[in-house]
Amino acid sequence: YPSIKALDLDQNTVVAISVGFASVALGIGIPVFYETQIDNAAKRDNTQPCFPCNGSGAQKCRFCMGNGIVMVELGGDEKETSRCINCDGAGSLTCTTCQGSGIQPRYLDRRYEDFC
């Protein structure tokens, strides 16, 4: 019977093959890990209050500072007050982070125990 000769591999070939296997493992493992984390996050109740609006669902208007009116200086000592056109005189706007729900969006969801 003919003898089977072992492959004669140099160190660079062994390293290249090892890196190839590791790349394939990571290429499969990382997406699976993230998918698992997404599934676990979806199972948790999302009850964290929205950070920018403190759970109220509304933010103070930046232009009128929550007053609903703005002071316009016409020149000299003349001043005129008018309704804020940004918030339509309400003094607040719907929070753009939580869209008025008051609950932190899932993509911003953070848990203290995740960092321990």
PDB file of N, CA and C in Angstrom:
ATOM      1  N   TYR A   1       0.822  -1.186   0.000  1.00  0.00           N
ATOM      2  CA  TYR A   1       0.000   0.000   0.000  1.00  0.00           C
ATOM      3  C   TYR A   1       0.868   1.252   0.000  1.00  0.00           C
ATOM      4  N   PRO A   2       0.455   2.266  -0.782  1.00  0.00           N
ATOM      5  CA  PRO A   2       1.264   3.492  -0.772  1.00  0.00           C
ATOM      6  C   PRO A   2       1.031   4.251   0.535  1.00  0.00           C
ATOM      7  N   SER A   3       2.072   4.802   1.072  1.00  0.00           N
ATOM      8  CA  SER A   3       1.919   5.553   2.323  1.00  0.00           C
ATOM      9  C   SER A   3       1.375   6.950   2.025  1.00  0.00           C
ATOM     10  N   ILE A   4       0.574   7.436   2.938  1.00  0.00           N
ATOM     11  CA  ILE A   4      -0.005   8.779   2.790  1.00  0.00           C
ATOM     12  C   ILE A   4       0.949   9.756   3.452  1.00  0.00           C
ATOM     13  N   LYS A   5       1.422  10.689   2.702  1.00  0.00           N
ATOM     14  CA  LYS A   5       2.354  11.674   3.244  1.00  0.00           C
ATOM     15  C   LYS A   5       1.566  12.825   3.873  1.00  0.00           C
ATOM     16  N   ALA A   6       2.042  13.292   5.003  1.00  0.00           N
ATOM     17  CA  ALA A   6       1.431  14.449   5.662  1.00  0.00           C
ATOM     18  C   ALA A   6       1.689  15.685   4.811  1.00  0.00           C
ATOM     19  N   LEU A   7       0.745  16.587   4.863  1.00  0.00           N
ATOM     20  CA  LEU A   7       0.919  17.830   4.113  1.00  0.00           C
ATOM     21  C   LEU A   7       2.070  18.621   4.708  1.00  0.00           C
ATOM     22  N   ASP A   8       2.882  19.124   3.873  1.00  0.00           N
ATOM     23  CA  ASP A   8       4.005  19.936   4.325  1.00  0.00           C
ATOM     24  C   ASP A   8       3.549  21.394   4.315  1.00  0.00           C
ATOM     25  N   LEU A   9       3.162  21.892   5.483  1.00  0.00           N
ATOM     26  CA  LEU A   9       2.638  23.256   5.587  1.00  0.00           C
ATOM     27  C   LEU A   9       3.641  24.131   6.316  1.00  0.00           C
ATOM     28  N   ASP A  10       3.895  25.291   5.787  1.00  0.00           N
ATOM     29  CA  ASP A  10       4.758  26.218   6.504  1.00  0.00           C
ATOM     30  C   ASP A  10       3.923  27.028   7.500  1.00  0.00           C
ATOM     31  N   GLN A  11       4.582  27.808   8.315  1.00  0.00           N
ATOM     32  CA  GLN A  11       3.912  28.553   9.383  1.00  0.00           C
ATOM     33  C   GLN A  11       2.909  29.562   8.825  1.00  0.00           C
ATOM     34  N   ASN A  12       3.217  30.228   7.752  1.00  0.00           N
ATOM     35  CA  ASN A  12       2.304  31.216   7.167  1.00  0.00           C
ATOM     36  C   ASN A  12       1.015  30.569   6.682  1.00  0.00           C
ATOM     37  N   THR A  13       1.097  29.391   6.137  1.00  0.00           N
ATOM     38  CA  THR A  13      -0.098  28.688   5.668  1.00  0.00           C
ATOM     39  C   THR A  13      -0.976  28.288   6.844  1.00  0.00           C
ATOM     40  N   VAL A  14      -0.355  27.805   7.918  1.00  0.00           N
ATOM     41  CA  VAL A  14      -1.113  27.419   9.117  1.00  0.00           C
ATOM     42  C   VAL A  14      -1.807  28.643   9.707  1.00  0.00           C
ATOM     43  N   VAL A  15      -1.110  29.766   9.777  1.00  0.00           N
ATOM     44  CA  VAL A  15      -1.703  30.999  10.299  1.00  0.00           C
ATOM     45  C   VAL A  15      -2.853  31.447   9.404  1.00  0.00           C
ATOM     46  N   ALA A  16      -2.675  31.386   8.107  1.00  0.00           N
ATOM     47  CA  ALA A  16      -3.729  31.810   7.180  1.00  0.00           C
ATOM     48  C   ALA A  16      -4.967  30.933   7.319  1.00  0.00           C
ATOM     49  N   ILE A  17      -4.773  29.635   7.457  1.00  0.00           N
ATOM     50  CA  ILE A  17      -5.917  28.729   7.635  1.00  0.00           C
ATOM     51  C   ILE A  17      -6.612  29.009   8.960  1.00  0.00           C
ATOM     52  N   SER A  18      -5.841  29.232  10.027  1.00  0.00           N
ATOM     53  CA  SER A  18      -6.422  29.530  11.344  1.00  0.00           C
ATOM     54  C   SER A  18      -7.221  30.826  11.313  1.00  0.00           C
ATOM     55  N   VAL A  19      -6.671  31.835  10.680  1.00  0.00           N
ATOM     56  CA  VAL A  19      -7.376  33.120  10.566  1.00  0.00           C
ATOM     57  C   VAL A  19      -8.651  32.948   9.751  1.00  0.00           C
ATOM     58  N   GLY A  20      -8.598  32.141   8.726  1.00  0.00           N
ATOM     59  CA  GLY A  20      -9.792  31.877   7.918  1.00  0.00           C
ATOM     60  C   GLY A  20     -10.895  31.233   8.732  1.00  0.00           C
ATOM     61  N   PHE A  21     -10.541  30.215   9.524  1.00  0.00           N
ATOM     62  CA  PHE A  21     -11.546  29.562  10.376  1.00  0.00           C
ATOM     63  C   PHE A  21     -12.097  30.526  11.422  1.00  0.00           C
ATOM     64  N   ALA A  22     -11.219  31.333  12.031  1.00  0.00           N
ATOM     65  CA  ALA A  22     -11.669  32.299  13.034  1.00  0.00           C
ATOM     66  C   ALA A  22     -12.592  33.337  12.406  1.00  0.00           C
ATOM     67  N   SER A  23     -12.279  33.770  11.201  1.00  0.00           N
ATOM     68  CA  SER A  23     -13.121  34.759  10.515  1.00  0.00           C
ATOM     69  C   SER A  23     -14.506  34.206  10.226  1.00  0.00           C
ATOM     70  N   VAL A  24     -14.554  32.959   9.799  1.00  0.00           N
ATOM     71  CA  VAL A  24     -15.852  32.333   9.534  1.00  0.00           C
ATOM     72  C   VAL A  24     -16.645  32.210  10.827  1.00  0.00           C
ATOM     73  N   ALA A  25     -15.974  31.794  11.913  1.00  0.00           N
ATOM     74  CA  ALA A  25     -16.661  31.645  13.198  1.00  0.00           C
ATOM     75  C   ALA A  25     -17.195  32.986  13.685  1.00  0.00           C
ATOM     76  N   LEU A  26     -16.382  34.038  13.586  1.00  0.00           N
ATOM     77  CA  LEU A  26     -16.837  35.364  14.010  1.00  0.00           C
ATOM     78  C   LEU A  26     -17.913  35.898  13.077  1.00  0.00           C
ATOM     79  N   GLY A  27     -17.771  35.627  11.801  1.00  0.00           N
ATOM     80  CA  GLY A  27     -18.762  36.094  10.828  1.00  0.00           C
ATOM     81  C   GLY A  27     -20.129  35.502  11.074  1.00  0.00           C
ATOM     82  N   ILE A  28     -20.174  34.332  11.646  1.00  0.00           N
ATOM     83  CA  ILE A  28     -21.449  33.701  11.987  1.00  0.00           C
ATOM     84  C   ILE A  28     -21.845  34.048  13.414  1.00  0.00           C
ATOM     85  N   GLY A  29     -20.870  34.048  14.315  1.00  0.00           N
ATOM     86  CA  GLY A  29     -21.148  34.236  15.739  1.00  0.00           C
ATOM     87  C   GLY A  29     -21.641  35.618  16.109  1.00  0.00           C
ATOM     88  N   ILE A  30     -21.055  36.648  15.542  1.00  0.00           N
ATOM     89  CA  ILE A  30     -21.437  38.015  15.903  1.00  0.00           C
ATOM     90  C   ILE A  30     -22.878  38.326  15.508  1.00  0.00           C
ATOM     91  N   PRO A  31     -23.316  38.054  14.285  1.00  0.00           N
ATOM     92  CA  PRO A  31     -24.729  38.311  13.965  1.00  0.00           C
ATOM     93  C   PRO A  31     -25.701  37.494  14.820  1.00  0.00           C
ATOM     94  N   VAL A  32     -25.328  36.258  15.144  1.00  0.00           N
ATOM     95  CA  VAL A  32     -26.188  35.438  16.006  1.00  0.00           C
ATOM     96  C   VAL A  32     -26.273  36.058  17.393  1.00  0.00           C
ATOM     97  N   PHE A  33     -25.144  36.546  17.919  1.00  0.00           N
ATOM     98  CA  PHE A  33     -25.133  37.199  19.227  1.00  0.00           C
ATOM     99  C   PHE A  33     -26.049  38.424  19.227  1.00  0.00           C
ATOM    100  N   TYR A  34     -25.927  39.283  18.219  1.00  0.00           N
ATOM    101  CA  TYR A  34     -26.757  40.483  18.156  1.00  0.00           C
ATOM    102  C   TYR A  34     -28.233  40.138  17.999  1.00  0.00           C
ATOM    103  N   GLU A  35     -28.534  39.142  17.218  1.00  0.00           N
ATOM    104  CA  GLU A  35     -29.929  38.725  17.040  1.00  0.00           C
ATOM    105  C   GLU A  35     -30.514  38.235  18.358  1.00  0.00           C
ATOM    106  N   THR A  36     -29.722  37.496  19.120  1.00  0.00           N
ATOM    107  CA  THR A  36     -30.161  37.020  20.436  1.00  0.00           C
ATOM    108  C   THR A  36     -30.409  38.194  21.373  1.00  0.00           C
ATOM    109  N   GLN A  37     -29.523  39.181  21.356  1.00  0.00           N
ATOM    110  CA  GLN A  37     -29.692  40.350  22.216  1.00  0.00           C
ATOM    111  C   GLN A  37     -30.937  41.141  21.835  1.00  0.00           C
ATOM    112  N   ILE A  38     -31.207  41.258  20.554  1.00  0.00           N
ATOM    113  CA  ILE A  38     -32.405  41.968  20.096  1.00  0.00           C
ATOM    114  C   ILE A  38     -33.659  41.237  20.548  1.00  0.00           C
ATOM    115  N   ASP A  39     -33.655  39.912  20.427  1.00  0.00           N
ATOM    116  CA  ASP A  39     -34.808  39.123  20.872  1.00  0.00           C
ATOM    117  C   ASP A  39     -35.022  39.257  22.372  1.00  0.00           C
ATOM    118  N   ASN A  40     -33.945  39.225  23.149  1.00  0.00           N
ATOM    119  CA  ASN A  40     -34.062  39.373  24.601  1.00  0.00           C
ATOM    120  C   ASN A  40     -34.585  40.757  24.975  1.00  0.00           C
ATOM    121  N   ALA A  41     -34.138  41.789  24.280  1.00  0.00           N
ATOM    122  CA  ALA A  41     -34.608  43.148  24.563  1.00  0.00           C
ATOM    123  C   ALA A  41     -36.088  43.291  24.236  1.00  0.00           C
ATOM    124  N   ALA A  42     -36.535  42.632  23.175  1.00  0.00           N
ATOM    125  CA  ALA A  42     -37.946  42.726  22.791  1.00  0.00           C
ATOM    126  C   ALA A  42     -38.853  42.048  23.813  1.00  0.00           C
ATOM    127  N   LYS A  43     -38.337  41.082  24.551  1.00  0.00           N
ATOM    128  CA  LYS A  43     -39.138  40.375  25.556  1.00  0.00           C
ATOM    129  C   LYS A  43     -39.299  41.186  26.839  1.00  0.00           C
ATOM    130  N   ARG A  44     -38.374  42.118  27.102  1.00  0.00           N
ATOM    131  CA  ARG A  44     -38.446  42.935  28.315  1.00  0.00           C
ATOM    132  C   ARG A  44     -39.492  44.026  28.163  1.00  0.00           C
ATOM    133  N   ASP A  45     -40.137  44.349  29.265  1.00  0.00           N
ATOM    134  CA  ASP A  45     -41.047  45.490  29.262  1.00  0.00           C
ATOM    135  C   ASP A  45     -40.225  46.766  29.126  1.00  0.00           C
ATOM    136  N   ASN A  46     -40.708  47.678  28.338  1.00  0.00           N
ATOM    137  CA  ASN A  46     -40.021  48.945  28.145  1.00  0.00           C
ATOM    138  C   ASN A  46     -40.761  50.003  28.945  1.00  0.00           C
ATOM    139  N   THR A  47     -40.306  50.243  30.162  1.00  0.00           N
ATOM    140  CA  THR A  47     -40.997  51.184  31.044  1.00  0.00           C
ATOM    141  C   THR A  47     -40.122  52.360  31.441  1.00  0.00           C
ATOM    142  N   GLN A  48     -38.963  52.487  30.845  1.00  0.00           N
ATOM    143  CA  GLN A  48     -38.093  53.594  31.204  1.00  0.00           C
ATOM    144  C   GLN A  48     -38.676  54.901  30.697  1.00  0.00           C
ATOM    145  N   PRO A  49     -38.738  55.921  31.563  1.00  0.00           N
ATOM    146  CA  PRO A  49     -39.224  57.218  31.081  1.00  0.00           C
ATOM    147  C   PRO A  49     -38.218  57.832  30.110  1.00  0.00           C
ATOM    148  N   CYS A  50     -38.741  58.554  29.162  1.00  0.00           N
ATOM    149  CA  CYS A  50     -37.906  59.224  28.166  1.00  0.00           C
ATOM    150  C   CYS A  50     -37.014  60.242  28.872  1.00  0.00           C
ATOM    151  N   PHE A  51     -35.724  60.231  28.547  1.00  0.00           N
ATOM    152  CA  PHE A  51     -34.782  61.123  29.213  1.00  0.00           C
ATOM    153  C   PHE A  51     -34.994  62.598  28.852  1.00  0.00           C
ATOM    154  N   PRO A  52     -35.100  62.973  27.580  1.00  0.00           N
ATOM    155  CA  PRO A  52     -35.220  64.402  27.257  1.00  0.00           C
ATOM    156  C   PRO A  52     -36.466  65.080  27.829  1.00  0.00           C
ATOM    157  N   CYS A  53     -37.602  64.375  27.875  1.00  0.00           N
ATOM    158  CA  CYS A  53     -38.835  65.009  28.361  1.00  0.00           C
ATOM    159  C   CYS A  53     -39.221  64.540  29.764  1.00  0.00           C
ATOM    160  N   ASN A  54     -38.391  63.725  30.391  1.00  0.00           N
ATOM    161  CA  ASN A  54     -38.660  63.176  31.726  1.00  0.00           C
ATOM    162  C   ASN A  54     -39.980  62.425  31.796  1.00  0.00           C
ATOM    163  N   GLY A  55     -40.377  61.811  30.709  1.00  0.00           N
ATOM    164  CA  GLY A  55     -41.586  60.992  30.699  1.00  0.00           C
ATOM    165  C   GLY A  55     -42.872  61.759  30.476  1.00  0.00           C
ATOM    166  N   SER A  56     -42.787  63.063  30.261  1.00  0.00           N
ATOM    167  CA  SER A  56     -44.011  63.852  30.077  1.00  0.00           C
ATOM    168  C   SER A  56     -44.539  63.766  28.647  1.00  0.00           C
ATOM    169  N   GLY A  57     -43.673  63.477  27.695  1.00  0.00           N
ATOM    170  CA  GLY A  57     -44.080  63.419  26.293  1.00  0.00           C
ATOM    171  C   GLY A  57     -44.004  64.760  25.590  1.00  0.00           C
ATOM    172  N   ALA A  58     -43.649  65.809  26.332  1.00  0.00           N
ATOM    173  CA  ALA A  58     -43.558  67.146  25.738  1.00  0.00           C
ATOM    174  C   ALA A  58     -42.280  67.824  26.214  1.00  0.00           C
ATOM    175  N   GLN A  59     -41.756  68.702  25.384  1.00  0.00           N
ATOM    176  CA  GLN A  59     -40.585  69.485  25.738  1.00  0.00           C
ATOM    177  C   GLN A  59     -40.911  70.966  25.622  1.00  0.00           C
ATOM    178  N   LYS A  60     -40.284  71.748  26.494  1.00  0.00           N
ATOM    179  CA  LYS A  60     -40.490  73.190  26.482  1.00  0.00           C
ATOM    180  C   LYS A  60     -39.976  73.766  25.169  1.00  0.00           C
ATOM    181  N   CYS A  61     -40.737  74.664  24.596  1.00  0.00           N
ATOM    182  CA  CYS A  61     -40.343  75.322  23.350  1.00  0.00           C
ATOM    183  C   CYS A  61     -39.069  76.133  23.592  1.00  0.00           C
ATOM    184  N   ARG A  62     -38.094  75.972  22.712  1.00  0.00           N
ATOM    185  CA  ARG A  62     -36.816  76.674  22.858  1.00  0.00           C
ATOM    186  C   ARG A  62     -36.909  78.143  22.463  1.00  0.00           C
ATOM    187  N   PHE A  63     -37.887  78.498  21.645  1.00  0.00           N
ATOM    188  CA  PHE A  63     -37.964  79.870  21.147  1.00  0.00           C
ATOM    189  C   PHE A  63     -38.646  80.806  22.135  1.00  0.00           C
ATOM    190  N   CYS A  64     -39.712  80.348  22.753  1.00  0.00           N
ATOM    191  CA  CYS A  64     -40.427  81.198  23.710  1.00  0.00           C
ATOM    192  C   CYS A  64     -40.126  80.804  25.150  1.00  0.00           C
ATOM    193  N   MET A  65     -39.273  79.803  25.341  1.00  0.00           N
ATOM    194  CA  MET A  65     -38.897  79.306  26.665  1.00  0.00           C
ATOM    195  C   MET A  65     -40.103  78.832  27.470  1.00  0.00           C
ATOM    196  N   GLY A  66     -41.106  78.335  26.779  1.00  0.00           N
ATOM    197  CA  GLY A  66     -42.279  77.772  27.439  1.00  0.00           C
ATOM    198  C   GLY A  66     -43.371  78.772  27.751  1.00  0.00           C
ATOM    199  N   ASN A  67     -43.195  80.032  27.359  1.00  0.00           N
ATOM    200  CA  ASN A  67     -44.197  81.063  27.656  1.00  0.00           C
ATOM    201  C   ASN A  67     -45.332  81.100  26.638  1.00  0.00           C
ATOM    202  N   GLY A  68     -45.069  80.677  25.435  1.00  0.00           N
ATOM    203  CA  GLY A  68     -46.078  80.736  24.384  1.00  0.00           C
ATOM    204  C   GLY A  68     -46.108  82.058  23.648  1.00  0.00           C
ATOM    205  N   ILE A  69     -45.367  83.039  24.162  1.00  0.00           N
ATOM    206  CA  ILE A  69     -45.286  84.345  23.501  1.00  0.00           C
ATOM    207  C   ILE A  69     -43.817  84.743  23.378  1.00  0.00           C
ATOM    208  N   VAL A  70     -43.533  85.525  22.363  1.00  0.00           N
ATOM    209  CA  VAL A  70     -42.175  86.034  22.171  1.00  0.00           C
ATOM    210  C   VAL A  70     -42.215  87.555  22.144  1.00  0.00           C
ATOM    211  N   MET A  71     -41.146  88.151  22.632  1.00  0.00           N
ATOM    212  CA  MET A  71     -41.011  89.604  22.644  1.00  0.00           C
ATOM    213  C   MET A  71     -40.170  89.997  21.435  1.00  0.00           C
ATOM    214  N   VAL A  72     -40.717  90.868  20.605  1.00  0.00           N
ATOM    215  CA  VAL A  72     -40.022  91.328  19.410  1.00  0.00           C
ATOM    216  C   VAL A  72     -39.670  92.793  19.612  1.00  0.00           C
ATOM    217  N   GLU A  73     -38.379  93.114  19.469  1.00  0.00           N
ATOM    218  CA  GLU A  73     -37.945  94.505  19.583  1.00  0.00           C
ATOM    219  C   GLU A  73     -38.043  95.139  18.206  1.00  0.00           C
ATOM    220  N   LEU A  74     -38.844  96.172  18.095  1.00  0.00           N
ATOM    221  CA  LEU A  74     -39.083  96.829  16.813  1.00  0.00           C
ATOM    222  C   LEU A  74     -38.051  97.910  16.524  1.00  0.00           C
ATOM    223  N   GLY A  75     -37.384  98.384  17.512  1.00  0.00           N
ATOM    224  CA  GLY A  75     -36.401  99.454  17.343  1.00  0.00           C
ATOM    225  C   GLY A  75     -36.623 100.492  18.423  1.00  0.00           C
ATOM    226  N   GLY A  76     -35.536 101.077  18.840  1.00  0.00           N
ATOM    227  CA  GLY A  76     -35.654 102.050  19.916  1.00  0.00           C
ATOM    228  C   GLY A  76     -36.146 101.347  21.176  1.00  0.00           C
ATOM    229  N   ASP A  77     -37.177 101.945  21.777  1.00  0.00           N
ATOM    230  CA  ASP A  77     -37.757 101.343  22.975  1.00  0.00           C
ATOM    231  C   ASP A  77     -39.028 100.577  22.675  1.00  0.00           C
ATOM    232  N   GLU A  78     -39.405 100.499  21.411  1.00  0.00           N
ATOM    233  CA  GLU A  78     -40.651  99.813  21.058  1.00  0.00           C
ATOM    234  C   GLU A  78     -40.467  98.300  21.081  1.00  0.00           C
ATOM    235  N   LYS A  79     -41.411  97.638  21.744  1.00  0.00           N
ATOM    236  CA  LYS A  79     -41.422  96.178  21.816  1.00  0.00           C
ATOM    237  C   LYS A  79     -42.832  95.696  21.560  1.00  0.00           C
ATOM    238  N   GLU A  80     -42.916  94.539  20.994  1.00  0.00           N
ATOM    239  CA  GLU A  80     -44.228  93.964  20.712  1.00  0.00           C
ATOM    240  C   GLU A  80     -44.197  92.488  21.100  1.00  0.00           C
ATOM    241  N   THR A  81     -45.274  92.040  21.709  1.00  0.00           N
ATOM    242  CA  THR A  81     -45.371  90.614  22.027  1.00  0.00           C
ATOM    243  C   THR A  81     -46.276  89.949  20.998  1.00  0.00           C
ATOM    244  N   SER A  82     -45.903  88.756  20.627  1.00  0.00           N
ATOM    245  CA  SER A  82     -46.734  88.001  19.700  1.00  0.00           C
ATOM    246  C   SER A  82     -46.668  86.523  20.068  1.00  0.00           C
ATOM    247  N   ARG A  83     -47.647  85.811  19.587  1.00  0.00           N
ATOM    248  CA  ARG A  83     -47.714  84.385  19.867  1.00  0.00           C
ATOM    249  C   ARG A  83     -46.552  83.684  19.165  1.00  0.00           C
ATOM    250  N   CYS A  84     -45.958  82.729  19.857  1.00  0.00           N
ATOM    251  CA  CYS A  84     -44.827  81.979  19.302  1.00  0.00           C
ATOM    252  C   CYS A  84     -45.306  81.147  18.112  1.00  0.00           C
ATOM    253  N   ILE A  85     -44.619  81.301  16.985  1.00  0.00           N
ATOM    254  CA  ILE A  85     -45.033  80.547  15.802  1.00  0.00           C
ATOM    255  C   ILE A  85     -44.463  79.128  15.806  1.00  0.00           C
ATOM    256  N   ASN A  86     -43.464  78.880  16.651  1.00  0.00           N
ATOM    257  CA  ASN A  86     -42.871  77.539  16.704  1.00  0.00           C
ATOM    258  C   ASN A  86     -43.801  76.551  17.417  1.00  0.00           C
ATOM    259  N   CYS A  87     -44.350  76.964  18.559  1.00  0.00           N
ATOM    260  CA  CYS A  87     -45.223  76.071  19.335  1.00  0.00           C
ATOM    261  C   CYS A  87     -46.691  76.462  19.219  1.00  0.00           C
ATOM    262  N   ASP A  88     -46.983  77.462  18.417  1.00  0.00           N
ATOM    263  CA  ASP A  88     -48.344  77.973  18.222  1.00  0.00           C
ATOM    264  C   ASP A  88     -48.963  78.447  19.536  1.00  0.00           C
ATOM    265  N   GLY A  89     -48.111  78.999  20.400  1.00  0.00           N
ATOM    266  CA  GLY A  89     -48.583  79.567  21.654  1.00  0.00           C
ATOM    267  C   GLY A  89     -48.776  78.562  22.775  1.00  0.00           C
ATOM    268  N   ALA A  90     -48.502  77.302  22.538  1.00  0.00           N
ATOM    269  CA  ALA A  90     -48.710  76.281  23.576  1.00  0.00           C
ATOM    270  C   ALA A  90     -47.593  76.284  24.614  1.00  0.00           C
ATOM    271  N   GLY A  91     -46.410  76.713  24.240  1.00  0.00           N
ATOM    272  CA  GLY A  91     -45.289  76.718  25.167  1.00  0.00           C
ATOM    273  C   GLY A  91     -44.516  75.408  25.193  1.00  0.00           C
ATOM    274  N   SER A  92     -45.062  74.393  24.570  1.00  0.00           N
ATOM    275  CA  SER A  92     -44.365  73.105  24.535  1.00  0.00           C
ATOM    276  C   SER A  92     -44.604  72.420  23.196  1.00  0.00           C
ATOM    277  N   LEU A  93     -43.729  71.480  22.899  1.00  0.00           N
ATOM    278  CA  LEU A  93     -43.813  70.709  21.660  1.00  0.00           C
ATOM    279  C   LEU A  93     -43.761  69.225  21.996  1.00  0.00           C
ATOM    280  N   THR A  94     -44.303  68.413  21.126  1.00  0.00           N
ATOM    281  CA  THR A  94     -44.217  66.969  21.313  1.00  0.00           C
ATOM    282  C   THR A  94     -42.754  66.552  21.279  1.00  0.00           C
ATOM    283  N   CYS A  95     -42.357  65.733  22.237  1.00  0.00           N
ATOM    284  CA  CYS A  95     -40.978  65.264  22.321  1.00  0.00           C
ATOM    285  C   CYS A  95     -40.638  64.468  21.065  1.00  0.00           C
ATOM    286  N   THR A  96     -39.538  64.841  20.426  1.00  0.00           N
ATOM    287  CA  THR A  96     -39.148  64.157  19.194  1.00  0.00           C
ATOM    288  C   THR A  96     -38.438  62.833  19.461  1.00  0.00           C
ATOM    289  N   THR A  97     -37.994  62.617  20.687  1.00  0.00           N
ATOM    290  CA  THR A  97     -37.317  61.360  21.008  1.00  0.00           C
ATOM    291  C   THR A  97     -38.313  60.234  21.206  1.00  0.00           C
ATOM    292  N   CYS A  98     -39.368  60.476  21.988  1.00  0.00           N
ATOM    293  CA  CYS A  98     -40.347  59.417  22.283  1.00  0.00           C
ATOM    294  C   CYS A  98     -41.644  59.593  21.503  1.00  0.00           C
ATOM    295  N   GLN A  99     -41.734  60.629  20.679  1.00  0.00           N
ATOM    296  CA  GLN A  99     -42.936  60.934  19.892  1.00  0.00           C
ATOM    297  C   GLN A  99     -44.166  61.135  20.777  1.00  0.00           C
ATOM    298  N   GLY A 100     -43.950  61.650  21.993  1.00  0.00           N
ATOM    299  CA  GLY A 100     -45.057  61.974  22.883  1.00  0.00           C
ATOM    300  C   GLY A 100     -45.514  60.846  23.782  1.00  0.00           C
ATOM    301  N   SER A 101     -44.911  59.677  23.683  1.00  0.00           N
ATOM    302  CA  SER A 101     -45.348  58.544  24.512  1.00  0.00           C
ATOM    303  C   SER A 101     -44.830  58.647  25.937  1.00  0.00           C
ATOM    304  N   GLY A 102     -43.715  59.334  26.142  1.00  0.00           N
ATOM    305  CA  GLY A 102     -43.120  59.435  27.469  1.00  0.00           C
ATOM    306  C   GLY A 102     -42.251  58.239  27.822  1.00  0.00           C
ATOM    307  N   ILE A 103     -42.207  57.233  26.949  1.00  0.00           N
ATOM    308  CA  ILE A 103     -41.419  56.025  27.190  1.00  0.00           C
ATOM    309  C   ILE A 103     -40.165  56.061  26.320  1.00  0.00           C
ATOM    310  N   GLN A 104     -39.031  55.699  26.921  1.00  0.00           N
ATOM    311  CA  GLN A 104     -37.764  55.682  26.200  1.00  0.00           C
ATOM    312  C   GLN A 104     -37.853  54.734  25.004  1.00  0.00           C
ATOM    313  N   PRO A 105     -37.475  55.185  23.806  1.00  0.00           N
ATOM    314  CA  PRO A 105     -37.508  54.296  22.640  1.00  0.00           C
ATOM    315  C   PRO A 105     -36.604  53.087  22.845  1.00  0.00           C
ATOM    316  N   ARG A 106     -36.971  51.976  22.251  1.00  0.00           N
ATOM    317  CA  ARG A 106     -36.245  50.715  22.449  1.00  0.00           C
ATOM    318  C   ARG A 106     -34.775  50.835  22.057  1.00  0.00           C
ATOM    319  N   TYR A 107     -34.461  51.595  21.004  1.00  0.00           N
ATOM    320  CA  TYR A 107     -33.064  51.688  20.583  1.00  0.00           C
ATOM    321  C   TYR A 107     -32.204  52.452  21.578  1.00  0.00           C
ATOM    322  N   LEU A 108     -32.821  53.206  22.494  1.00  0.00           N
ATOM    323  CA  LEU A 108     -32.083  53.904  23.543  1.00  0.00           C
ATOM    324  C   LEU A 108     -32.208  53.208  24.889  1.00  0.00           C
ATOM    325  N   ASP A 109     -32.883  52.072  24.917  1.00  0.00           N
ATOM    326  CA  ASP A 109     -33.136  51.342  26.152  1.00  0.00           C
ATOM    327  C   ASP A 109     -31.822  50.924  26.800  1.00  0.00           C
ATOM    328  N   ARG A 110     -31.626  51.306  28.034  1.00  0.00           N
ATOM    329  CA  ARG A 110     -30.435  50.916  28.780  1.00  0.00           C
ATOM    330  C   ARG A 110     -30.882  50.373  30.127  1.00  0.00           C
ATOM    331  N   ARG A 111     -30.229  49.313  30.552  1.00  0.00           N
ATOM    332  CA  ARG A 111     -30.510  48.702  31.847  1.00  0.00           C
ATOM    333  C   ARG A 111     -29.236  48.733  32.677  1.00  0.00           C
ATOM    334  N   TYR A 112     -29.366  49.079  33.946  1.00  0.00           N
ATOM    335  CA  TYR A 112     -28.208  49.150  34.820  1.00  0.00           C
ATOM    336  C   TYR A 112     -27.533  47.788  34.939  1.00  0.00           C
ATOM    337  N   GLU A 113     -28.336  46.714  35.062  1.00  0.00           N
ATOM    338  CA  GLU A 113     -27.755  45.387  35.243  1.00  0.00           C
ATOM    339  C   GLU A 113     -26.973  44.922  34.016  1.00  0.00           C
ATOM    340  N   ASP A 114     -27.201  45.528  32.852  1.00  0.00           N
ATOM    341  CA  ASP A 114     -26.431  45.169  31.660  1.00  0.00           C
ATOM    342  C   ASP A 114     -24.966  45.588  31.793  1.00  0.00           C
ATOM    343  N   PHE A 115     -24.694  46.572  32.648  1.00  0.00           N
ATOM    344  CA  PHE A 115     -23.347  47.101  32.766  1.00  0.00           C
ATOM    345  C   PHE A 115     -22.613  46.582  33.992  1.00  0.00           C
ATOM    346  N   CYS A 116     -23.252  45.756  34.795  1.00  0.00           N
ATOM    347  CA  CYS A 116     -22.612  45.224  36.015  1.00  0.00           C
ATOM    348  C   CYS A 116     -21.863  43.948  35.727  1.00  0.00           C
TER     349      CYS A 116
END
